[in-house]
Amino acid sequence: MRCALLGTAVVNALSLNLPISKHRLRTWAGLTATEFESRYREALSVGPEIKDLNQILLLDDVCTEGSTLRTAAQRIREANPGCQIIAATAGQMIVKAVVRDKASLVA
């Protein structure tokens, strides 16, 4: 498959081996970010085509804390240590716990 806008190949090389819900694990089960990343890492599979790539544009729908992007990048680096990874998201969630000046969010 090719991306007409970027003029490059699209490779769906990452997949989950089992359903995993960040919201359920973090909110309902009370897992920390590190605990979630460990579970996500176990569920994330990297396809063999990763080994042949020099550059990867890693896309995620929304980034809240970076857990899924961080874990995906780690798994890609395990399969292809020399690959250049660029991460992008369609949206950025704001987590109040990481905002230094919370009053500026309401301004």
PDB file of N, CA and C in Angstrom:
ATOM      1  N   MET A   1       0.855  -1.163   0.000  1.00  0.00           N
ATOM      2  CA  MET A   1       0.000   0.000   0.000  1.00  0.00           C
ATOM      3  C   MET A   1       0.908   1.235   0.000  1.00  0.00           C
ATOM      4  N   ARG A   2       0.454   2.302  -0.651  1.00  0.00           N
ATOM      5  CA  ARG A   2       1.224   3.548  -0.711  1.00  0.00           C
ATOM      6  C   ARG A   2       0.392   4.704  -0.184  1.00  0.00           C
ATOM      7  N   CYS A   3       1.073   5.658   0.383  1.00  0.00           N
ATOM      8  CA  CYS A   3       0.452   6.894   0.845  1.00  0.00           C
ATOM      9  C   CYS A   3       0.657   7.932  -0.249  1.00  0.00           C
ATOM     10  N   ALA A   4      -0.408   8.332  -0.898  1.00  0.00           N
ATOM     11  CA  ALA A   4      -0.303   9.283  -1.997  1.00  0.00           C
ATOM     12  C   ALA A   4       0.185  10.654  -1.519  1.00  0.00           C
ATOM     13  N   LEU A   5      -0.255  11.080  -0.358  1.00  0.00           N
ATOM     14  CA  LEU A   5       0.114  12.392   0.158  1.00  0.00           C
ATOM     15  C   LEU A   5       1.620  12.502   0.426  1.00  0.00           C
ATOM     16  N   LEU A   6       2.199  11.458   0.999  1.00  0.00           N
ATOM     17  CA  LEU A   6       3.623  11.465   1.312  1.00  0.00           C
ATOM     18  C   LEU A   6       4.474  10.822   0.211  1.00  0.00           C
ATOM     19  N   GLY A   7       3.834  10.098  -0.695  1.00  0.00           N
ATOM     20  CA  GLY A   7       4.562   9.429  -1.763  1.00  0.00           C
ATOM     21  C   GLY A   7       5.481   8.334  -1.247  1.00  0.00           C
ATOM     22  N   THR A   8       5.009   7.589  -0.265  1.00  0.00           N
ATOM     23  CA  THR A   8       5.828   6.551   0.348  1.00  0.00           C
ATOM     24  C   THR A   8       4.998   5.314   0.661  1.00  0.00           C
ATOM     25  N   ALA A   9       5.679   4.243   0.971  1.00  0.00           N
ATOM     26  CA  ALA A   9       4.993   2.988   1.304  1.00  0.00           C
ATOM     27  C   ALA A   9       4.385   3.062   2.702  1.00  0.00           C
ATOM     28  N   VAL A  10       3.266   2.373   2.869  1.00  0.00           N
ATOM     29  CA  VAL A  10       2.626   2.232   4.172  1.00  0.00           C
ATOM     30  C   VAL A  10       2.789   0.775   4.581  1.00  0.00           C
ATOM     31  N   VAL A  11       3.341   0.567   5.757  1.00  0.00           N
ATOM     32  CA  VAL A  11       3.559  -0.786   6.259  1.00  0.00           C
ATOM     33  C   VAL A  11       2.853  -0.899   7.607  1.00  0.00           C
ATOM     34  N   ASN A  12       1.925  -1.809   7.703  1.00  0.00           N
ATOM     35  CA  ASN A  12       1.243  -2.059   8.975  1.00  0.00           C
ATOM     36  C   ASN A  12       2.014  -3.164   9.695  1.00  0.00           C
ATOM     37  N   ALA A  13       3.089  -2.806  10.357  1.00  0.00           N
ATOM     38  CA  ALA A  13       4.008  -3.772  10.938  1.00  0.00           C
ATOM     39  C   ALA A  13       3.813  -3.995  12.430  1.00  0.00           C
ATOM     40  N   LEU A  14       2.973  -3.203  13.068  1.00  0.00           N
ATOM     41  CA  LEU A  14       2.705  -3.371  14.492  1.00  0.00           C
ATOM     42  C   LEU A  14       1.291  -3.892  14.671  1.00  0.00           C
ATOM     43  N   SER A  15       1.135  -4.862  15.553  1.00  0.00           N
ATOM     44  CA  SER A  15      -0.207  -5.379  15.827  1.00  0.00           C
ATOM     45  C   SER A  15      -0.278  -5.858  17.271  1.00  0.00           C
ATOM     46  N   LEU A  16      -1.476  -5.863  17.787  1.00  0.00           N
ATOM     47  CA  LEU A  16      -1.693  -6.348  19.147  1.00  0.00           C
ATOM     48  C   LEU A  16      -2.134  -7.810  19.089  1.00  0.00           C
ATOM     49  N   ASN A  17      -1.537  -8.647  19.929  1.00  0.00           N
ATOM     50  CA  ASN A  17      -1.866 -10.069  19.976  1.00  0.00           C
ATOM     51  C   ASN A  17      -3.120 -10.355  20.790  1.00  0.00           C
ATOM     52  N   LEU A  18      -3.540  -9.369  21.573  1.00  0.00           N
ATOM     53  CA  LEU A  18      -4.750  -9.513  22.379  1.00  0.00           C
ATOM     54  C   LEU A  18      -5.321  -8.131  22.633  1.00  0.00           C
ATOM     55  N   PRO A  19      -6.621  -8.064  22.885  1.00  0.00           N
ATOM     56  CA  PRO A  19      -7.221  -6.747  23.147  1.00  0.00           C
ATOM     57  C   PRO A  19      -6.680  -6.170  24.454  1.00  0.00           C
ATOM     58  N   ILE A  20      -6.385  -4.894  24.419  1.00  0.00           N
ATOM     59  CA  ILE A  20      -5.856  -4.239  25.613  1.00  0.00           C
ATOM     60  C   ILE A  20      -6.435  -2.824  25.661  1.00  0.00           C
ATOM     61  N   SER A  21      -6.939  -2.438  26.813  1.00  0.00           N
ATOM     62  CA  SER A  21      -7.551  -1.127  26.971  1.00  0.00           C
ATOM     63  C   SER A  21      -6.760  -0.305  27.974  1.00  0.00           C
ATOM     64  N   LYS A  22      -6.153   0.771  27.482  1.00  0.00           N
ATOM     65  CA  LYS A  22      -5.384   1.650  28.366  1.00  0.00           C
ATOM     66  C   LYS A  22      -6.296   2.243  29.442  1.00  0.00           C
ATOM     67  N   HIS A  23      -7.475   2.673  29.030  1.00  0.00           N
ATOM     68  CA  HIS A  23      -8.416   3.279  29.978  1.00  0.00           C
ATOM     69  C   HIS A  23      -8.773   2.299  31.096  1.00  0.00           C
ATOM     70  N   ARG A  24      -9.120   1.076  30.745  1.00  0.00           N
ATOM     71  CA  ARG A  24      -9.493   0.094  31.770  1.00  0.00           C
ATOM     72  C   ARG A  24      -8.330  -0.227  32.696  1.00  0.00           C
ATOM     73  N   LEU A  25      -7.159  -0.436  32.107  1.00  0.00           N
ATOM     74  CA  LEU A  25      -6.012  -0.813  32.933  1.00  0.00           C
ATOM     75  C   LEU A  25      -5.534   0.324  33.825  1.00  0.00           C
ATOM     76  N   ARG A  26      -5.565   1.541  33.307  1.00  0.00           N
ATOM     77  CA  ARG A  26      -5.071   2.671  34.102  1.00  0.00           C
ATOM     78  C   ARG A  26      -6.133   3.150  35.097  1.00  0.00           C
ATOM     79  N   THR A  27      -7.392   3.235  34.661  1.00  0.00           N
ATOM     80  CA  THR A  27      -8.451   3.783  35.507  1.00  0.00           C
ATOM     81  C   THR A  27      -9.067   2.729  36.421  1.00  0.00           C
ATOM     82  N   TRP A  28      -9.546   1.648  35.843  1.00  0.00           N
ATOM     83  CA  TRP A  28     -10.260   0.652  36.637  1.00  0.00           C
ATOM     84  C   TRP A  28      -9.318  -0.253  37.417  1.00  0.00           C
ATOM     85  N   ALA A  29      -8.238  -0.712  36.777  1.00  0.00           N
ATOM     86  CA  ALA A  29      -7.314  -1.632  37.451  1.00  0.00           C
ATOM     87  C   ALA A  29      -6.257  -0.888  38.263  1.00  0.00           C
ATOM     88  N   GLY A  30      -6.112   0.429  38.037  1.00  0.00           N
ATOM     89  CA  GLY A  30      -5.179   1.239  38.812  1.00  0.00           C
ATOM     90  C   GLY A  30      -3.710   1.033  38.478  1.00  0.00           C
ATOM     91  N   LEU A  31      -3.413   0.565  37.280  1.00  0.00           N
ATOM     92  CA  LEU A  31      -2.018   0.368  36.885  1.00  0.00           C
ATOM     93  C   LEU A  31      -1.301   1.702  36.693  1.00  0.00           C
ATOM     94  N   THR A  32      -0.039   1.727  37.021  1.00  0.00           N
ATOM     95  CA  THR A  32       0.785   2.902  36.748  1.00  0.00           C
ATOM     96  C   THR A  32       1.139   2.912  35.267  1.00  0.00           C
ATOM     97  N   ALA A  33       1.730   3.994  34.800  1.00  0.00           N
ATOM     98  CA  ALA A  33       2.162   4.068  33.399  1.00  0.00           C
ATOM     99  C   ALA A  33       3.161   2.961  33.092  1.00  0.00           C
ATOM    100  N   THR A  34       4.086   2.720  33.998  1.00  0.00           N
ATOM    101  CA  THR A  34       5.097   1.669  33.800  1.00  0.00           C
ATOM    102  C   THR A  34       4.454   0.298  33.737  1.00  0.00           C
ATOM    103  N   GLU A  35       3.493   0.035  34.606  1.00  0.00           N
ATOM    104  CA  GLU A  35       2.801  -1.261  34.598  1.00  0.00           C
ATOM    105  C   GLU A  35       2.004  -1.442  33.304  1.00  0.00           C
ATOM    106  N   PHE A  36       1.316  -0.370  32.861  1.00  0.00           N
ATOM    107  CA  PHE A  36       0.582  -0.460  31.595  1.00  0.00           C
ATOM    108  C   PHE A  36       1.538  -0.741  30.440  1.00  0.00           C
ATOM    109  N   GLU A  37       2.657  -0.012  30.387  1.00  0.00           N
ATOM    110  CA  GLU A  37       3.619  -0.186  29.298  1.00  0.00           C
ATOM    111  C   GLU A  37       4.154  -1.608  29.253  1.00  0.00           C
ATOM    112  N   SER A  38       4.347  -2.218  30.396  1.00  0.00           N
ATOM    113  CA  SER A  38       4.811  -3.602  30.447  1.00  0.00           C
ATOM    114  C   SER A  38       3.778  -4.540  29.831  1.00  0.00           C
ATOM    115  N   ARG A  39       2.518  -4.349  30.181  1.00  0.00           N
ATOM    116  CA  ARG A  39       1.445  -5.184  29.598  1.00  0.00           C
ATOM    117  C   ARG A  39       1.292  -4.923  28.102  1.00  0.00           C
ATOM    118  N   TYR A  40       1.359  -3.660  27.722  1.00  0.00           N
ATOM    119  CA  TYR A  40       1.212  -3.292  26.311  1.00  0.00           C
ATOM    120  C   TYR A  40       2.359  -3.888  25.492  1.00  0.00           C
ATOM    121  N   ARG A  41       3.548  -3.850  26.055  1.00  0.00           N
ATOM    122  CA  ARG A  41       4.727  -4.391  25.380  1.00  0.00           C
ATOM    123  C   ARG A  41       4.563  -5.883  25.110  1.00  0.00           C
ATOM    124  N   GLU A  42       4.024  -6.608  26.078  1.00  0.00           N
ATOM    125  CA  GLU A  42       3.782  -8.046  25.914  1.00  0.00           C
ATOM    126  C   GLU A  42       2.769  -8.327  24.817  1.00  0.00           C
ATOM    127  N   ALA A  43       1.795  -7.440  24.648  1.00  0.00           N
ATOM    128  CA  ALA A  43       0.734  -7.643  23.659  1.00  0.00           C
ATOM    129  C   ALA A  43       1.113  -7.157  22.267  1.00  0.00           C
ATOM    130  N   LEU A  44       2.171  -6.349  22.162  1.00  0.00           N
ATOM    131  CA  LEU A  44       2.538  -5.716  20.888  1.00  0.00           C
ATOM    132  C   LEU A  44       3.506  -6.590  20.094  1.00  0.00           C
ATOM    133  N   SER A  45       3.139  -6.865  18.870  1.00  0.00           N
ATOM    134  CA  SER A  45       3.955  -7.686  17.977  1.00  0.00           C
ATOM    135  C   SER A  45       4.509  -6.817  16.847  1.00  0.00           C
ATOM    136  N   VAL A  46       5.767  -7.053  16.493  1.00  0.00           N
ATOM    137  CA  VAL A  46       6.424  -6.315  15.408  1.00  0.00           C
ATOM    138  C   VAL A  46       6.655  -7.274  14.246  1.00  0.00           C
ATOM    139  N   GLY A  47       6.191  -6.881  13.063  1.00  0.00           N
ATOM    140  CA  GLY A  47       6.346  -7.707  11.878  1.00  0.00           C
ATOM    141  C   GLY A  47       7.779  -7.739  11.362  1.00  0.00           C
ATOM    142  N   PRO A  48       8.142  -8.764  10.624  1.00  0.00           N
ATOM    143  CA  PRO A  48       9.513  -8.916  10.130  1.00  0.00           C
ATOM    144  C   PRO A  48       9.941  -7.847   9.129  1.00  0.00           C
ATOM    145  N   GLU A  49       8.989  -7.175   8.491  1.00  0.00           N
ATOM    146  CA  GLU A  49       9.322  -6.144   7.506  1.00  0.00           C
ATOM    147  C   GLU A  49      10.022  -4.941   8.125  1.00  0.00           C
ATOM    148  N   ILE A  50       9.931  -4.790   9.444  1.00  0.00           N
ATOM    149  CA  ILE A  50      10.597  -3.693  10.160  1.00  0.00           C
ATOM    150  C   ILE A  50      12.110  -3.752   9.943  1.00  0.00           C
ATOM    151  N   LYS A  51      12.658  -4.944   9.852  1.00  0.00           N
ATOM    152  CA  LYS A  51      14.114  -5.109   9.734  1.00  0.00           C
ATOM    153  C   LYS A  51      14.682  -4.480   8.468  1.00  0.00           C
ATOM    154  N   ASP A  52      13.853  -4.315   7.432  1.00  0.00           N
ATOM    155  CA  ASP A  52      14.312  -3.788   6.152  1.00  0.00           C
ATOM    156  C   ASP A  52      14.149  -2.274   6.014  1.00  0.00           C
ATOM    157  N   LEU A  53      13.624  -1.614   7.023  1.00  0.00           N
ATOM    158  CA  LEU A  53      13.326  -0.186   6.914  1.00  0.00           C
ATOM    159  C   LEU A  53      14.415   0.671   7.547  1.00  0.00           C
ATOM    160  N   ASN A  54      14.710   1.798   6.902  1.00  0.00           N
ATOM    161  CA  ASN A  54      15.692   2.745   7.436  1.00  0.00           C
ATOM    162  C   ASN A  54      15.032   3.850   8.257  1.00  0.00           C
ATOM    163  N   GLN A  55      13.798   4.214   7.873  1.00  0.00           N
ATOM    164  CA  GLN A  55      13.049   5.275   8.554  1.00  0.00           C
ATOM    165  C   GLN A  55      11.611   4.831   8.723  1.00  0.00           C
ATOM    166  N   ILE A  56      11.032   5.232   9.842  1.00  0.00           N
ATOM    167  CA  ILE A  56       9.633   4.909  10.129  1.00  0.00           C
ATOM    168  C   ILE A  56       8.935   6.153  10.650  1.00  0.00           C
ATOM    169  N   LEU A  57       7.765   6.421  10.115  1.00  0.00           N
ATOM    170  CA  LEU A  57       6.882   7.435  10.679  1.00  0.00           C
ATOM    171  C   LEU A  57       5.852   6.670  11.489  1.00  0.00           C
ATOM    172  N   LEU A  58       5.937   6.776  12.790  1.00  0.00           N
ATOM    173  CA  LEU A  58       5.061   6.064  13.716  1.00  0.00           C
ATOM    174  C   LEU A  58       3.887   6.972  14.052  1.00  0.00           C
ATOM    175  N   LEU A  59       2.684   6.537  13.703  1.00  0.00           N
ATOM    176  CA  LEU A  59       1.489   7.361  13.899  1.00  0.00           C
ATOM    177  C   LEU A  59       0.611   6.809  15.006  1.00  0.00           C
ATOM    178  N   ASP A  60       0.085   7.696  15.814  1.00  0.00           N
ATOM    179  CA  ASP A  60      -0.865   7.337  16.861  1.00  0.00           C
ATOM    180  C   ASP A  60      -2.021   8.335  16.784  1.00  0.00           C
ATOM    181  N   ASP A  61      -3.212   7.902  17.182  1.00  0.00           N
ATOM    182  CA  ASP A  61      -4.350   8.810  17.091  1.00  0.00           C
ATOM    183  C   ASP A  61      -4.239   9.956  18.085  1.00  0.00           C
ATOM    184  N   VAL A  62      -3.986   9.628  19.358  1.00  0.00           N
ATOM    185  CA  VAL A  62      -3.895  10.654  20.393  1.00  0.00           C
ATOM    186  C   VAL A  62      -2.778  10.272  21.362  1.00  0.00           C
ATOM    187  N   CYS A  63      -2.035  11.249  21.798  1.00  0.00           N
ATOM    188  CA  CYS A  63      -0.973  11.041  22.780  1.00  0.00           C
ATOM    189  C   CYS A  63      -1.389  11.700  24.084  1.00  0.00           C
ATOM    190  N   THR A  64      -1.437  10.912  25.147  1.00  0.00           N
ATOM    191  CA  THR A  64      -1.759  11.462  26.457  1.00  0.00           C
ATOM    192  C   THR A  64      -0.487  11.571  27.287  1.00  0.00           C
ATOM    193  N   GLU A  65       0.132  10.445  27.552  1.00  0.00           N
ATOM    194  CA  GLU A  65       1.379  10.425  28.316  1.00  0.00           C
ATOM    195  C   GLU A  65       2.546   9.879  27.497  1.00  0.00           C
ATOM    196  N   GLY A  66       2.259   9.353  26.317  1.00  0.00           N
ATOM    197  CA  GLY A  66       3.312   8.814  25.459  1.00  0.00           C
ATOM    198  C   GLY A  66       3.584   7.335  25.649  1.00  0.00           C
ATOM    199  N   SER A  67       2.786   6.653  26.451  1.00  0.00           N
ATOM    200  CA  SER A  67       3.030   5.245  26.755  1.00  0.00           C
ATOM    201  C   SER A  67       3.015   4.347  25.525  1.00  0.00           C
ATOM    202  N   THR A  68       1.991   4.476  24.688  1.00  0.00           N
ATOM    203  CA  THR A  68       1.907   3.589  23.523  1.00  0.00           C
ATOM    204  C   THR A  68       2.986   3.921  22.502  1.00  0.00           C
ATOM    205  N   LEU A  69       3.262   5.194  22.280  1.00  0.00           N
ATOM    206  CA  LEU A  69       4.333   5.571  21.347  1.00  0.00           C
ATOM    207  C   LEU A  69       5.694   5.118  21.864  1.00  0.00           C
ATOM    208  N   ARG A  70       5.942   5.304  23.139  1.00  0.00           N
ATOM    209  CA  ARG A  70       7.217   4.916  23.738  1.00  0.00           C
ATOM    210  C   ARG A  70       7.425   3.406  23.620  1.00  0.00           C
ATOM    211  N   THR A  71       6.380   2.640  23.937  1.00  0.00           N
ATOM    212  CA  THR A  71       6.477   1.189  23.875  1.00  0.00           C
ATOM    213  C   THR A  71       6.654   0.708  22.444  1.00  0.00           C
ATOM    214  N   ALA A  72       5.913   1.289  21.511  1.00  0.00           N
ATOM    215  CA  ALA A  72       6.052   0.907  20.103  1.00  0.00           C
ATOM    216  C   ALA A  72       7.461   1.209  19.601  1.00  0.00           C
ATOM    217  N   ALA A  73       7.997   2.359  19.951  1.00  0.00           N
ATOM    218  CA  ALA A  73       9.351   2.717  19.525  1.00  0.00           C
ATOM    219  C   ALA A  73      10.380   1.753  20.116  1.00  0.00           C
ATOM    220  N   GLN A  74      10.202   1.358  21.358  1.00  0.00           N
ATOM    221  CA  GLN A  74      11.121   0.392  21.976  1.00  0.00           C
ATOM    222  C   GLN A  74      11.084  -0.949  21.242  1.00  0.00           C
ATOM    223  N   ARG A  75       9.889  -1.408  20.911  1.00  0.00           N
ATOM    224  CA  ARG A  75       9.754  -2.695  20.209  1.00  0.00           C
ATOM    225  C   ARG A  75      10.364  -2.611  18.803  1.00  0.00           C
ATOM    226  N   ILE A  76      10.186  -1.484  18.129  1.00  0.00           N
ATOM    227  CA  ILE A  76      10.781  -1.303  16.801  1.00  0.00           C
ATOM    228  C   ILE A  76      12.301  -1.320  16.912  1.00  0.00           C
ATOM    229  N   ARG A  77      12.837  -0.630  17.898  1.00  0.00           N
ATOM    230  CA  ARG A  77      14.301  -0.581  18.095  1.00  0.00           C
ATOM    231  C   ARG A  77      14.881  -1.956  18.411  1.00  0.00           C
ATOM    232  N   GLU A  78      14.121  -2.800  19.084  1.00  0.00           N
ATOM    233  CA  GLU A  78      14.584  -4.161  19.345  1.00  0.00           C
ATOM    234  C   GLU A  78      14.744  -4.938  18.035  1.00  0.00           C
ATOM    235  N   ALA A  79      13.817  -4.732  17.119  1.00  0.00           N
ATOM    236  CA  ALA A  79      13.843  -5.446  15.837  1.00  0.00           C
ATOM    237  C   ALA A  79      14.816  -4.825  14.845  1.00  0.00           C
ATOM    238  N   ASN A  80      15.011  -3.488  14.940  1.00  0.00           N
ATOM    239  CA  ASN A  80      15.864  -2.777  13.992  1.00  0.00           C
ATOM    240  C   ASN A  80      16.523  -1.591  14.715  1.00  0.00           C
ATOM    241  N   PRO A  81      17.628  -1.848  15.401  1.00  0.00           N
ATOM    242  CA  PRO A  81      18.260  -0.806  16.217  1.00  0.00           C
ATOM    243  C   PRO A  81      18.687   0.442  15.452  1.00  0.00           C
ATOM    244  N   GLY A  82      19.013   0.326  14.177  1.00  0.00           N
ATOM    245  CA  GLY A  82      19.497   1.474  13.414  1.00  0.00           C
ATOM    246  C   GLY A  82      18.418   2.281  12.725  1.00  0.00           C
ATOM    247  N   CYS A  83      17.179   1.882  12.878  1.00  0.00           N
ATOM    248  CA  CYS A  83      16.074   2.557  12.192  1.00  0.00           C
ATOM    249  C   CYS A  83      15.781   3.916  12.836  1.00  0.00           C
ATOM    250  N   GLN A  84      15.598   4.935  12.010  1.00  0.00           N
ATOM    251  CA  GLN A  84      15.216   6.261  12.496  1.00  0.00           C
ATOM    252  C   GLN A  84      13.696   6.277  12.659  1.00  0.00           C
ATOM    253  N   ILE A  85      13.225   6.643  13.849  1.00  0.00           N
ATOM    254  CA  ILE A  85      11.789   6.656  14.143  1.00  0.00           C
ATOM    255  C   ILE A  85      11.347   8.091  14.388  1.00  0.00           C
ATOM    256  N   ILE A  86      10.303   8.493  13.672  1.00  0.00           N
ATOM    257  CA  ILE A  86       9.682   9.797  13.882  1.00  0.00           C
ATOM    258  C   ILE A  86       8.244   9.518  14.295  1.00  0.00           C
ATOM    259  N   ALA A  87       7.836  10.076  15.427  1.00  0.00           N
ATOM    260  CA  ALA A  87       6.493   9.839  15.944  1.00  0.00           C
ATOM    261  C   ALA A  87       5.618  11.061  15.726  1.00  0.00           C
ATOM    262  N   ALA A  88       4.356  10.803  15.389  1.00  0.00           N
ATOM    263  CA  ALA A  88       3.387  11.880  15.194  1.00  0.00           C
ATOM    264  C   ALA A  88       2.020  11.417  15.692  1.00  0.00           C
ATOM    265  N   THR A  89       1.224  12.373  16.149  1.00  0.00           N
ATOM    266  CA  THR A  89      -0.132  12.064  16.590  1.00  0.00           C
ATOM    267  C   THR A  89      -1.112  13.041  15.967  1.00  0.00           C
ATOM    268  N   ALA A  90      -2.351  12.601  15.906  1.00  0.00           N
ATOM    269  CA  ALA A  90      -3.405  13.466  15.384  1.00  0.00           C
ATOM    270  C   ALA A  90      -3.858  14.461  16.448  1.00  0.00           C
ATOM    271  N   GLY A  91      -3.668  14.102  17.708  1.00  0.00           N
ATOM    272  CA  GLY A  91      -4.110  14.983  18.786  1.00  0.00           C
ATOM    273  C   GLY A  91      -3.261  14.810  20.022  1.00  0.00           C
ATOM    274  N   GLN A  92      -3.296  15.797  20.894  1.00  0.00           N
ATOM    275  CA  GLN A  92      -2.541  15.760  22.143  1.00  0.00           C
ATOM    276  C   GLN A  92      -3.514  16.010  23.279  1.00  0.00           C
ATOM    277  N   MET A  93      -3.590  15.082  24.191  1.00  0.00           N
ATOM    278  CA  MET A  93      -4.420  15.257  25.374  1.00  0.00           C
ATOM    279  C   MET A  93      -3.603  16.023  26.410  1.00  0.00           C
ATOM    280  N   ILE A  94      -4.263  16.844  27.199  1.00  0.00           N
ATOM    281  CA  ILE A  94      -3.590  17.565  28.271  1.00  0.00           C
ATOM    282  C   ILE A  94      -3.947  16.871  29.587  1.00  0.00           C
ATOM    283  N   VAL A  95      -2.938  16.408  30.274  1.00  0.00           N
ATOM    284  CA  VAL A  95      -3.126  15.759  31.560  1.00  0.00           C
ATOM    285  C   VAL A  95      -2.812  16.789  32.631  1.00  0.00           C
ATOM    286  N   LYS A  96      -3.801  17.081  33.448  1.00  0.00           N
ATOM    287  CA  LYS A  96      -3.643  18.138  34.441  1.00  0.00           C
ATOM    288  C   LYS A  96      -2.453  17.909  35.359  1.00  0.00           C
ATOM    289  N   ALA A  97      -2.113  16.661  35.624  1.00  0.00           N
ATOM    290  CA  ALA A  97      -1.009  16.356  36.535  1.00  0.00           C
ATOM    291  C   ALA A  97       0.343  16.802  35.994  1.00  0.00           C
ATOM    292  N   VAL A  98       0.449  17.004  34.695  1.00  0.00           N
ATOM    293  CA  VAL A  98       1.744  17.390  34.120  1.00  0.00           C
ATOM    294  C   VAL A  98       1.811  18.859  33.724  1.00  0.00           C
ATOM    295  N   VAL A  99       0.741  19.590  33.941  1.00  0.00           N
ATOM    296  CA  VAL A  99       0.711  21.014  33.597  1.00  0.00           C
ATOM    297  C   VAL A  99       1.242  21.819  34.772  1.00  0.00           C
ATOM    298  N   ARG A 100       2.236  22.656  34.517  1.00  0.00           N
ATOM    299  CA  ARG A 100       2.846  23.440  35.606  1.00  0.00           C
ATOM    300  C   ARG A 100       1.929  24.553  36.095  1.00  0.00           C
ATOM    301  N   ASP A 101       1.303  25.279  35.181  1.00  0.00           N
ATOM    302  CA  ASP A 101       0.452  26.404  35.558  1.00  0.00           C
ATOM    303  C   ASP A 101      -0.988  26.065  35.190  1.00  0.00           C
ATOM    304  N   LYS A 102      -1.702  25.393  36.099  1.00  0.00           N
ATOM    305  CA  LYS A 102      -3.066  24.943  35.819  1.00  0.00           C
ATOM    306  C   LYS A 102      -4.031  26.106  35.603  1.00  0.00           C
ATOM    307  N   ALA A 103      -3.739  27.268  36.158  1.00  0.00           N
ATOM    308  CA  ALA A 103      -4.617  28.431  35.979  1.00  0.00           C
ATOM    309  C   ALA A 103      -4.631  28.867  34.518  1.00  0.00           C
ATOM    310  N   SER A 104      -3.552  28.640  33.790  1.00  0.00           N
ATOM    311  CA  SER A 104      -3.498  29.052  32.391  1.00  0.00           C
ATOM    312  C   SER A 104      -4.400  28.197  31.494  1.00  0.00           C
ATOM    313  N   LEU A 105      -4.809  27.017  31.963  1.00  0.00           N
ATOM    314  CA  LEU A 105      -5.731  26.179  31.188  1.00  0.00           C
ATOM    315  C   LEU A 105      -7.129  26.782  31.134  1.00  0.00           C
ATOM    316  N   VAL A 106      -7.488  27.552  32.143  1.00  0.00           N
ATOM    317  CA  VAL A 106      -8.828  28.117  32.251  1.00  0.00           C
ATOM    318  C   VAL A 106      -8.886  29.538  31.730  1.00  0.00           C
ATOM    319  N   ALA A 107      -7.752  30.152  31.538  1.00  0.00           N
ATOM    320  CA  ALA A 107      -7.704  31.556  31.155  1.00  0.00           C
ATOM    321  C   ALA A 107      -8.448  31.859  29.886  1.00  0.00           C
TER     322      ALA A 107
END
